Amino acid sequence: VGYAGADPERAPEAPAPVPLTLVPYYAWANRGAGS
């Protein structure tokens, strides 16, 4: 809602819960460079 071109009648969907797993920052990108 409020975006140019957005449907003003569309009800916003609630964010979906997800589990987050964190790893030590030093170890990132040792399985390939991902986000």
Full PDB file with SEQRES, HELIX, SHEET, SSBOND, CRYST1, ORIGX, SCALE, CONECT and MASTER records, all heavy atoms in Angstrom:
SEQRES   1 A   35  VAL GLY TYR ALA GLY ALA ASP PRO GLU ARG ALA PRO GLU          
SEQRES   2 A   35  ALA PRO ALA PRO VAL PRO LEU THR LEU VAL PRO TYR TYR          
SEQRES   3 A   35  ALA TRP ALA ASN ARG GLY ALA GLY SER                          
HELIX    1 AA1 TYR A   25  ALA A   27  5                                   3    
CRYST1    1.000    1.000    1.000  90.00  90.00  90.00 P 1           1          
ORIGX1      1.000000  0.000000  0.000000        0.00000                         
ORIGX2      0.000000  1.000000  0.000000        0.00000                         
ORIGX3      0.000000  0.000000  1.000000        0.00000                         
SCALE1      1.000000  0.000000  0.000000        0.00000                         
SCALE2      0.000000  1.000000  0.000000        0.00000                         
SCALE3      0.000000  0.000000  1.000000        0.00000                         
ATOM      1  N   VAL A   1       0.836  -1.192   0.000  1.00  0.00           N  
ATOM      2  CA  VAL A   1       0.000   0.000   0.000  1.00  0.00           C  
ATOM      3  C   VAL A   1       0.877   1.250   0.000  1.00  0.00           C  
ATOM      4  O   VAL A   1       1.799   1.381   0.797  1.00  0.00           O  
ATOM      5  CB  VAL A   1      -0.936   0.003   1.217  1.00  0.00           C  
ATOM      6  CG1 VAL A   1      -1.753   1.292   1.256  1.00  0.00           C  
ATOM      7  CG2 VAL A   1      -1.855  -1.201   1.167  1.00  0.00           C  
ATOM      8  N   GLY A   2       0.595   2.163  -0.905  1.00  0.00           N  
ATOM      9  CA  GLY A   2       1.348   3.402  -0.967  1.00  0.00           C  
ATOM     10  C   GLY A   2       2.401   3.418  -2.054  1.00  0.00           C  
ATOM     11  O   GLY A   2       2.919   4.471  -2.377  1.00  0.00           O  
ATOM     12  N   TYR A   3       2.688   2.270  -2.654  1.00  0.00           N  
ATOM     13  CA  TYR A   3       3.647   2.236  -3.752  1.00  0.00           C  
ATOM     14  C   TYR A   3       2.965   2.710  -5.029  1.00  0.00           C  
ATOM     15  O   TYR A   3       1.780   2.426  -5.275  1.00  0.00           O  
ATOM     16  CB  TYR A   3       4.165   0.815  -4.005  1.00  0.00           C  
ATOM     17  CG  TYR A   3       5.171   0.335  -3.001  1.00  0.00           C  
ATOM     18  CD1 TYR A   3       4.787  -0.342  -1.856  1.00  0.00           C  
ATOM     19  CD2 TYR A   3       6.517   0.552  -3.222  1.00  0.00           C  
ATOM     20  CE1 TYR A   3       5.722  -0.799  -0.948  1.00  0.00           C  
ATOM     21  CE2 TYR A   3       7.470   0.095  -2.319  1.00  0.00           C  
ATOM     22  CZ  TYR A   3       7.061  -0.576  -1.189  1.00  0.00           C  
ATOM     23  OH  TYR A   3       7.986  -1.029  -0.295  1.00  0.00           O  
ATOM     24  N   ALA A   4       3.719   3.412  -5.849  1.00  0.00           N  
ATOM     25  CA  ALA A   4       3.183   3.776  -7.152  1.00  0.00           C  
ATOM     26  C   ALA A   4       2.864   2.507  -7.936  1.00  0.00           C  
ATOM     27  O   ALA A   4       3.685   1.615  -8.061  1.00  0.00           O  
ATOM     28  CB  ALA A   4       4.204   4.615  -7.919  1.00  0.00           C  
ATOM     29  N   GLY A   5       1.642   2.391  -8.404  1.00  0.00           N  
ATOM     30  CA  GLY A   5       1.255   1.225  -9.174  1.00  0.00           C  
ATOM     31  C   GLY A   5       0.756   0.070  -8.337  1.00  0.00           C  
ATOM     32  O   GLY A   5       0.342  -0.940  -8.884  1.00  0.00           O  
ATOM     33  N   ALA A   6       0.774   0.190  -7.008  1.00  0.00           N  
ATOM     34  CA  ALA A   6       0.305  -0.907  -6.159  1.00  0.00           C  
ATOM     35  C   ALA A   6      -1.212  -0.899  -6.083  1.00  0.00           C  
ATOM     36  O   ALA A   6      -1.866   0.121  -6.272  1.00  0.00           O  
ATOM     37  CB  ALA A   6       0.890  -0.775  -4.770  1.00  0.00           C  
ATOM     38  N   ASP A   7      -1.763  -2.041  -5.809  1.00  0.00           N  
ATOM     39  CA  ASP A   7      -3.208  -2.173  -5.691  1.00  0.00           C  
ATOM     40  C   ASP A   7      -3.645  -1.682  -4.320  1.00  0.00           C  
ATOM     41  O   ASP A   7      -3.337  -2.322  -3.311  1.00  0.00           O  
ATOM     42  CB  ASP A   7      -3.594  -3.639  -5.876  1.00  0.00           C  
ATOM     43  CG  ASP A   7      -5.099  -3.857  -5.780  1.00  0.00           C  
ATOM     44  OD1 ASP A   7      -5.823  -2.866  -5.554  1.00  0.00           O  
ATOM     45  OD2 ASP A   7      -5.527  -5.013  -5.901  1.00  0.00           O  
ATOM     46  N   PRO A   8      -4.384  -0.554  -4.246  1.00  0.00           N  
ATOM     47  CA  PRO A   8      -4.769  -0.026  -2.935  1.00  0.00           C  
ATOM     48  C   PRO A   8      -5.759  -0.912  -2.204  1.00  0.00           C  
ATOM     49  O   PRO A   8      -5.949  -0.773  -0.999  1.00  0.00           O  
ATOM     50  CB  PRO A   8      -5.380   1.334  -3.282  1.00  0.00           C  
ATOM     51  CG  PRO A   8      -5.864   1.196  -4.690  1.00  0.00           C  
ATOM     52  CD  PRO A   8      -4.885   0.294  -5.359  1.00  0.00           C  
ATOM     53  N   GLU A   9      -6.406  -1.840  -2.915  1.00  0.00           N  
ATOM     54  CA  GLU A   9      -7.379  -2.714  -2.262  1.00  0.00           C  
ATOM     55  C   GLU A   9      -6.734  -3.972  -1.695  1.00  0.00           C  
ATOM     56  O   GLU A   9      -7.365  -4.715  -0.949  1.00  0.00           O  
ATOM     57  CB  GLU A   9      -8.475  -3.113  -3.274  1.00  0.00           C  
ATOM     58  CG  GLU A   9      -9.230  -1.931  -3.860  1.00  0.00           C  
ATOM     59  CD  GLU A   9      -9.911  -1.113  -2.768  1.00  0.00           C  
ATOM     60  OE1 GLU A   9     -10.423  -1.718  -1.799  1.00  0.00           O  
ATOM     61  OE2 GLU A   9      -9.916   0.123  -2.873  1.00  0.00           O  
ATOM     62  N   ARG A  10      -5.444  -4.213  -2.077  1.00  0.00           N  
ATOM     63  CA  ARG A  10      -4.803  -5.451  -1.623  1.00  0.00           C  
ATOM     64  C   ARG A  10      -4.403  -5.334  -0.163  1.00  0.00           C  
ATOM     65  O   ARG A  10      -3.677  -4.422   0.222  1.00  0.00           O  
ATOM     66  CB  ARG A  10      -3.560  -5.755  -2.463  1.00  0.00           C  
ATOM     67  CG  ARG A  10      -2.884  -7.079  -2.044  1.00  0.00           C  
ATOM     68  CD  ARG A  10      -1.658  -7.367  -2.908  1.00  0.00           C  
ATOM     69  NE  ARG A  10      -0.589  -6.430  -2.666  1.00  0.00           N  
ATOM     70  CZ  ARG A  10       0.268  -6.532  -1.640  1.00  0.00           C  
ATOM     71  NH1 ARG A  10       0.135  -7.503  -0.753  1.00  0.00           N  
ATOM     72  NH2 ARG A  10       1.233  -5.640  -1.489  1.00  0.00           N  
ATOM     73  N   ALA A  11      -4.878  -6.231   0.654  1.00  0.00           N  
ATOM     74  CA  ALA A  11      -4.508  -6.238   2.073  1.00  0.00           C  
ATOM     75  C   ALA A  11      -3.089  -6.772   2.213  1.00  0.00           C  
ATOM     76  O   ALA A  11      -2.747  -7.791   1.611  1.00  0.00           O  
ATOM     77  CB  ALA A  11      -5.473  -7.111   2.866  1.00  0.00           C  
ATOM     78  N   PRO A  12      -2.245  -6.084   2.957  1.00  0.00           N  
ATOM     79  CA  PRO A  12      -0.870  -6.556   3.125  1.00  0.00           C  
ATOM     80  C   PRO A  12      -0.827  -7.885   3.865  1.00  0.00           C  
ATOM     81  O   PRO A  12      -1.616  -8.134   4.783  1.00  0.00           O  
ATOM     82  CB  PRO A  12      -0.214  -5.444   3.939  1.00  0.00           C  
ATOM     83  CG  PRO A  12      -1.340  -4.770   4.651  1.00  0.00           C  
ATOM     84  CD  PRO A  12      -2.517  -4.849   3.731  1.00  0.00           C  
ATOM     85  N   GLU A  13       0.063  -8.748   3.437  1.00  0.00           N  
ATOM     86  CA  GLU A  13       0.231 -10.031   4.095  1.00  0.00           C  
ATOM     87  C   GLU A  13       1.229  -9.906   5.235  1.00  0.00           C  
ATOM     88  O   GLU A  13       2.221  -9.192   5.135  1.00  0.00           O  
ATOM     89  CB  GLU A  13       0.714 -11.071   3.086  1.00  0.00           C  
ATOM     90  CG  GLU A  13      -0.245 -11.300   1.936  1.00  0.00           C  
ATOM     91  CD  GLU A  13       0.282 -12.345   0.979  1.00  0.00           C  
ATOM     92  OE1 GLU A  13       0.959 -13.288   1.456  1.00  0.00           O  
ATOM     93  OE2 GLU A  13       0.042 -12.223  -0.227  1.00  0.00           O  
ATOM     94  N   ALA A  14       0.957 -10.612   6.322  1.00  0.00           N  
ATOM     95  CA  ALA A  14       1.860 -10.569   7.473  1.00  0.00           C  
ATOM     96  C   ALA A  14       3.165 -11.265   7.130  1.00  0.00           C  
ATOM     97  O   ALA A  14       3.180 -12.267   6.409  1.00  0.00           O  
ATOM     98  CB  ALA A  14       1.203 -11.249   8.665  1.00  0.00           C  
ATOM     99  N   PRO A  15       4.275 -10.738   7.618  1.00  0.00           N  
ATOM    100  CA  PRO A  15       5.559 -11.422   7.399  1.00  0.00           C  
ATOM    101  C   PRO A  15       5.518 -12.839   7.956  1.00  0.00           C  
ATOM    102  O   PRO A  15       4.880 -13.104   8.985  1.00  0.00           O  
ATOM    103  CB  PRO A  15       6.554 -10.550   8.155  1.00  0.00           C  
ATOM    104  CG  PRO A  15       5.902  -9.207   8.244  1.00  0.00           C  
ATOM    105  CD  PRO A  15       4.434  -9.492   8.372  1.00  0.00           C  
ATOM    106  N   ALA A  16       6.200 -13.744   7.296  1.00  0.00           N  
ATOM    107  CA  ALA A  16       6.208 -15.140   7.714  1.00  0.00           C  
ATOM    108  C   ALA A  16       7.334 -15.380   8.707  1.00  0.00           C  
ATOM    109  O   ALA A  16       8.461 -14.909   8.502  1.00  0.00           O  
ATOM    110  CB  ALA A  16       6.390 -16.029   6.496  1.00  0.00           C  
ATOM    111  N   PRO A  17       7.035 -16.117   9.782  1.00  0.00           N  
ATOM    112  CA  PRO A  17       8.108 -16.438  10.729  1.00  0.00           C  
ATOM    113  C   PRO A  17       9.070 -17.451  10.120  1.00  0.00           C  
ATOM    114  O   PRO A  17       8.658 -18.377   9.417  1.00  0.00           O  
ATOM    115  CB  PRO A  17       7.357 -17.025  11.924  1.00  0.00           C  
ATOM    116  CG  PRO A  17       6.075 -17.546  11.354  1.00  0.00           C  
ATOM    117  CD  PRO A  17       5.732 -16.653  10.197  1.00  0.00           C  
ATOM    118  N   VAL A  18      10.358 -17.280  10.391  1.00  0.00           N  
ATOM    119  CA  VAL A  18      11.376 -18.210   9.908  1.00  0.00           C  
ATOM    120  C   VAL A  18      12.439 -18.354  10.991  1.00  0.00           C  
ATOM    121  O   VAL A  18      12.706 -17.419  11.744  1.00  0.00           O  
ATOM    122  CB  VAL A  18      12.051 -17.718   8.606  1.00  0.00           C  
ATOM    123  CG1 VAL A  18      11.065 -17.690   7.453  1.00  0.00           C  
ATOM    124  CG2 VAL A  18      12.693 -16.357   8.808  1.00  0.00           C  
ATOM    125  N   PRO A  19      13.062 -19.518  11.100  1.00  0.00           N  
ATOM    126  CA  PRO A  19      14.213 -19.653  12.002  1.00  0.00           C  
ATOM    127  C   PRO A  19      15.454 -19.075  11.325  1.00  0.00           C  
ATOM    128  O   PRO A  19      15.666 -19.252  10.127  1.00  0.00           O  
ATOM    129  CB  PRO A  19      14.327 -21.159  12.201  1.00  0.00           C  
ATOM    130  CG  PRO A  19      13.768 -21.747  10.935  1.00  0.00           C  
ATOM    131  CD  PRO A  19      12.698 -20.801  10.464  1.00  0.00           C  
ATOM    132  N   LEU A  20      16.246 -18.408  12.091  1.00  0.00           N  
ATOM    133  CA  LEU A  20      17.491 -17.843  11.593  1.00  0.00           C  
ATOM    134  C   LEU A  20      18.664 -18.569  12.240  1.00  0.00           C  
ATOM    135  O   LEU A  20      18.685 -18.762  13.458  1.00  0.00           O  
ATOM    136  CB  LEU A  20      17.585 -16.351  11.905  1.00  0.00           C  
ATOM    137  CG  LEU A  20      16.483 -15.443  11.353  1.00  0.00           C  
ATOM    138  CD1 LEU A  20      16.719 -14.005  11.807  1.00  0.00           C  
ATOM    139  CD2 LEU A  20      16.427 -15.520   9.829  1.00  0.00           C  
ATOM    140  N   THR A  21      19.632 -18.947  11.446  1.00  0.00           N  
ATOM    141  CA  THR A  21      20.867 -19.558  11.942  1.00  0.00           C  
ATOM    142  C   THR A  21      22.024 -18.627  11.640  1.00  0.00           C  
ATOM    143  O   THR A  21      22.203 -18.210  10.490  1.00  0.00           O  
ATOM    144  CB  THR A  21      21.111 -20.926  11.290  1.00  0.00           C  
ATOM    145  OG1 THR A  21      20.037 -21.810  11.641  1.00  0.00           O  
ATOM    146  CG2 THR A  21      22.432 -21.519  11.755  1.00  0.00           C  
ATOM    147  N   LEU A  22      22.794 -18.299  12.660  1.00  0.00           N  
ATOM    148  CA  LEU A  22      23.941 -17.412  12.493  1.00  0.00           C  
ATOM    149  C   LEU A  22      25.231 -18.200  12.683  1.00  0.00           C  
ATOM    150  O   LEU A  22      25.314 -19.084  13.551  1.00  0.00           O  
ATOM    151  CB  LEU A  22      23.890 -16.260  13.500  1.00  0.00           C  
ATOM    152  CG  LEU A  22      22.760 -15.241  13.352  1.00  0.00           C  
ATOM    153  CD1 LEU A  22      21.501 -15.720  14.080  1.00  0.00           C  
ATOM    154  CD2 LEU A  22      23.177 -13.888  13.915  1.00  0.00           C  
ATOM    155  N   VAL A  23      26.233 -17.860  11.892  1.00  0.00           N  
ATOM    156  CA  VAL A  23      27.551 -18.478  11.997  1.00  0.00           C  
ATOM    157  C   VAL A  23      28.577 -17.391  12.282  1.00  0.00           C  
ATOM    158  O   VAL A  23      28.336 -16.208  12.040  1.00  0.00           O  
ATOM    159  CB  VAL A  23      27.930 -19.224  10.691  1.00  0.00           C  
ATOM    160  CG1 VAL A  23      26.942 -20.346  10.417  1.00  0.00           C  
ATOM    161  CG2 VAL A  23      28.007 -18.258   9.512  1.00  0.00           C  
ATOM    162  N   PRO A  24      29.735 -17.755  12.827  1.00  0.00           N  
ATOM    163  CA  PRO A  24      30.770 -16.735  13.040  1.00  0.00           C  
ATOM    164  C   PRO A  24      31.103 -16.019  11.727  1.00  0.00           C  
ATOM    165  O   PRO A  24      31.293 -16.656  10.690  1.00  0.00           O  
ATOM    166  CB  PRO A  24      31.962 -17.542  13.557  1.00  0.00           C  
ATOM    167  CG  PRO A  24      31.345 -18.745  14.197  1.00  0.00           C  
ATOM    168  CD  PRO A  24      30.161 -19.074  13.342  1.00  0.00           C  
ATOM    169  N   TYR A  25      31.182 -14.719  11.802  1.00  0.00           N  
ATOM    170  CA  TYR A  25      31.442 -13.913  10.605  1.00  0.00           C  
ATOM    171  C   TYR A  25      32.732 -14.330   9.908  1.00  0.00           C  
ATOM    172  O   TYR A  25      32.793 -14.353   8.673  1.00  0.00           O  
ATOM    173  CB  TYR A  25      31.500 -12.436  11.008  1.00  0.00           C  
ATOM    174  CG  TYR A  25      32.013 -11.506   9.933  1.00  0.00           C  
ATOM    175  CD1 TYR A  25      31.287 -11.264   8.774  1.00  0.00           C  
ATOM    176  CD2 TYR A  25      33.251 -10.867  10.083  1.00  0.00           C  
ATOM    177  CE1 TYR A  25      31.765 -10.410   7.783  1.00  0.00           C  
ATOM    178  CE2 TYR A  25      33.733 -10.017   9.103  1.00  0.00           C  
ATOM    179  CZ  TYR A  25      32.994  -9.787   7.952  1.00  0.00           C  
ATOM    180  OH  TYR A  25      33.475  -8.949   6.985  1.00  0.00           O  
ATOM    181  N   TYR A  26      33.755 -14.696  10.674  1.00  0.00           N  
ATOM    182  CA  TYR A  26      35.035 -15.048  10.057  1.00  0.00           C  
ATOM    183  C   TYR A  26      34.898 -16.223   9.109  1.00  0.00           C  
ATOM    184  O   TYR A  26      35.707 -16.393   8.178  1.00  0.00           O  
ATOM    185  CB  TYR A  26      36.102 -15.352  11.112  1.00  0.00           C  
ATOM    186  CG  TYR A  26      35.983 -16.718  11.733  1.00  0.00           C  
ATOM    187  CD1 TYR A  26      36.430 -17.865  11.080  1.00  0.00           C  
ATOM    188  CD2 TYR A  26      35.415 -16.894  13.001  1.00  0.00           C  
ATOM    189  CE1 TYR A  26      36.306 -19.131  11.640  1.00  0.00           C  
ATOM    190  CE2 TYR A  26      35.292 -18.140  13.573  1.00  0.00           C  
ATOM    191  CZ  TYR A  26      35.735 -19.264  12.880  1.00  0.00           C  
ATOM    192  OH  TYR A  26      35.598 -20.504  13.434  1.00  0.00           O  
ATOM    193  N   ALA A  27      33.881 -17.089   9.323  1.00  0.00           N  
ATOM    194  CA  ALA A  27      33.760 -18.333   8.571  1.00  0.00           C  
ATOM    195  C   ALA A  27      32.888 -18.206   7.332  1.00  0.00           C  
ATOM    196  O   ALA A  27      32.755 -19.169   6.578  1.00  0.00           O  
ATOM    197  CB  ALA A  27      33.195 -19.431   9.484  1.00  0.00           C  
ATOM    198  N   TRP A  28      32.314 -17.042   7.078  1.00  0.00           N  
ATOM    199  CA  TRP A  28      31.426 -16.937   5.922  1.00  0.00           C  
ATOM    200  C   TRP A  28      32.222 -17.115   4.624  1.00  0.00           C  
ATOM    201  O   TRP A  28      33.430 -16.941   4.572  1.00  0.00           O  
ATOM    202  CB  TRP A  28      30.665 -15.614   5.952  1.00  0.00           C  
ATOM    203  CG  TRP A  28      31.326 -14.424   5.307  1.00  0.00           C  
ATOM    204  CD1 TRP A  28      32.278 -13.626   5.844  1.00  0.00           C  
ATOM    205  CD2 TRP A  28      31.042 -13.907   3.990  1.00  0.00           C  
ATOM    206  NE1 TRP A  28      32.620 -12.636   4.962  1.00  0.00           N  
ATOM    207  CE2 TRP A  28      31.875 -12.777   3.816  1.00  0.00           C  
ATOM    208  CE3 TRP A  28      30.171 -14.270   2.963  1.00  0.00           C  
ATOM    209  CZ2 TRP A  28      31.869 -12.026   2.639  1.00  0.00           C  
ATOM    210  CZ3 TRP A  28      30.161 -13.524   1.796  1.00  0.00           C  
ATOM    211  CH2 TRP A  28      30.998 -12.414   1.645  1.00  0.00           C  
ATOM    212  N   ALA A  29      31.500 -17.488   3.564  1.00  0.00           N  
ATOM    213  CA  ALA A  29      32.073 -17.659   2.220  1.00  0.00           C  
ATOM    214  C   ALA A  29      33.069 -18.804   2.132  1.00  0.00           C  
ATOM    215  O   ALA A  29      33.876 -18.849   1.216  1.00  0.00           O  
ATOM    216  CB  ALA A  29      32.707 -16.364   1.719  1.00  0.00           C  
ATOM    217  N   ASN A  30      33.018 -19.745   3.058  1.00  0.00           N  
ATOM    218  CA  ASN A  30      33.828 -20.951   2.942  1.00  0.00           C  
ATOM    219  C   ASN A  30      33.052 -22.090   2.296  1.00  0.00           C  
ATOM    220  O   ASN A  30      33.588 -23.189   2.113  1.00  0.00           O  
ATOM    221  CB  ASN A  30      34.348 -21.382   4.310  1.00  0.00           C  
ATOM    222  CG  ASN A  30      35.610 -20.641   4.702  1.00  0.00           C  
ATOM    223  OD1 ASN A  30      36.692 -20.952   4.220  1.00  0.00           O  
ATOM    224  ND2 ASN A  30      35.469 -19.635   5.558  1.00  0.00           N  
ATOM    225  N   ARG A  31      31.814 -21.819   1.922  1.00  0.00           N  
ATOM    226  CA  ARG A  31      30.988 -22.793   1.193  1.00  0.00           C  
ATOM    227  C   ARG A  31      30.521 -22.180  -0.127  1.00  0.00           C  
ATOM    228  O   ARG A  31      29.467 -22.524  -0.639  1.00  0.00           O  
ATOM    229  CB  ARG A  31      29.790 -23.197   2.066  1.00  0.00           C  
ATOM    230  CG  ARG A  31      30.174 -23.903   3.351  1.00  0.00           C  
ATOM    231  CD  ARG A  31      29.011 -24.012   4.327  1.00  0.00           C  
ATOM    232  NE  ARG A  31      28.687 -22.728   4.944  1.00  0.00           N  
ATOM    233  CZ  ARG A  31      27.690 -22.537   5.803  1.00  0.00           C  
ATOM    234  NH1 ARG A  31      26.890 -23.555   6.129  1.00  0.00           N  
ATOM    235  NH2 ARG A  31      27.465 -21.352   6.340  1.00  0.00           N  
ATOM    236  N   GLY A  32      31.312 -21.264  -0.636  1.00  0.00           N  
ATOM    237  CA  GLY A  32      30.908 -20.488  -1.795  1.00  0.00           C  
ATOM    238  C   GLY A  32      30.420 -19.128  -1.336  1.00  0.00           C  
ATOM    239  O   GLY A  32      29.961 -18.956  -0.202  1.00  0.00           O  
ATOM    240  N   ALA A  33      30.528 -18.152  -2.205  1.00  0.00           N  
ATOM    241  CA  ALA A  33      30.120 -16.794  -1.842  1.00  0.00           C  
ATOM    242  C   ALA A  33      28.621 -16.645  -2.039  1.00  0.00           C  
ATOM    243  O   ALA A  33      28.118 -16.644  -3.157  1.00  0.00           O  
ATOM    244  CB  ALA A  33      30.868 -15.768  -2.697  1.00  0.00           C  
ATOM    245  N   GLY A  34      27.905 -16.553  -0.926  1.00  0.00           N  
ATOM    246  CA  GLY A  34      26.471 -16.306  -0.965  1.00  0.00           C  
ATOM    247  C   GLY A  34      26.163 -15.028  -0.218  1.00  0.00           C  
ATOM    248  O   GLY A  34      27.062 -14.348   0.279  1.00  0.00           O  
ATOM    249  N   SER A  35      24.888 -14.693  -0.137  1.00  0.00           N  
ATOM    250  CA  SER A  35      24.514 -13.472   0.573  1.00  0.00           C  
ATOM    251  C   SER A  35      24.796 -13.632   2.067  1.00  0.00           C  
ATOM    252  O   SER A  35      24.772 -14.730   2.621  1.00  0.00           O  
ATOM    253  CB  SER A  35      23.050 -13.122   0.326  1.00  0.00           C  
ATOM    254  OG  SER A  35      22.199 -14.182   0.708  1.00  0.00           O  
TER     255      SER A  35                                                      
MASTER        0    0    0    1    0    0    0    6  254    1    0    3          
END                                                                             
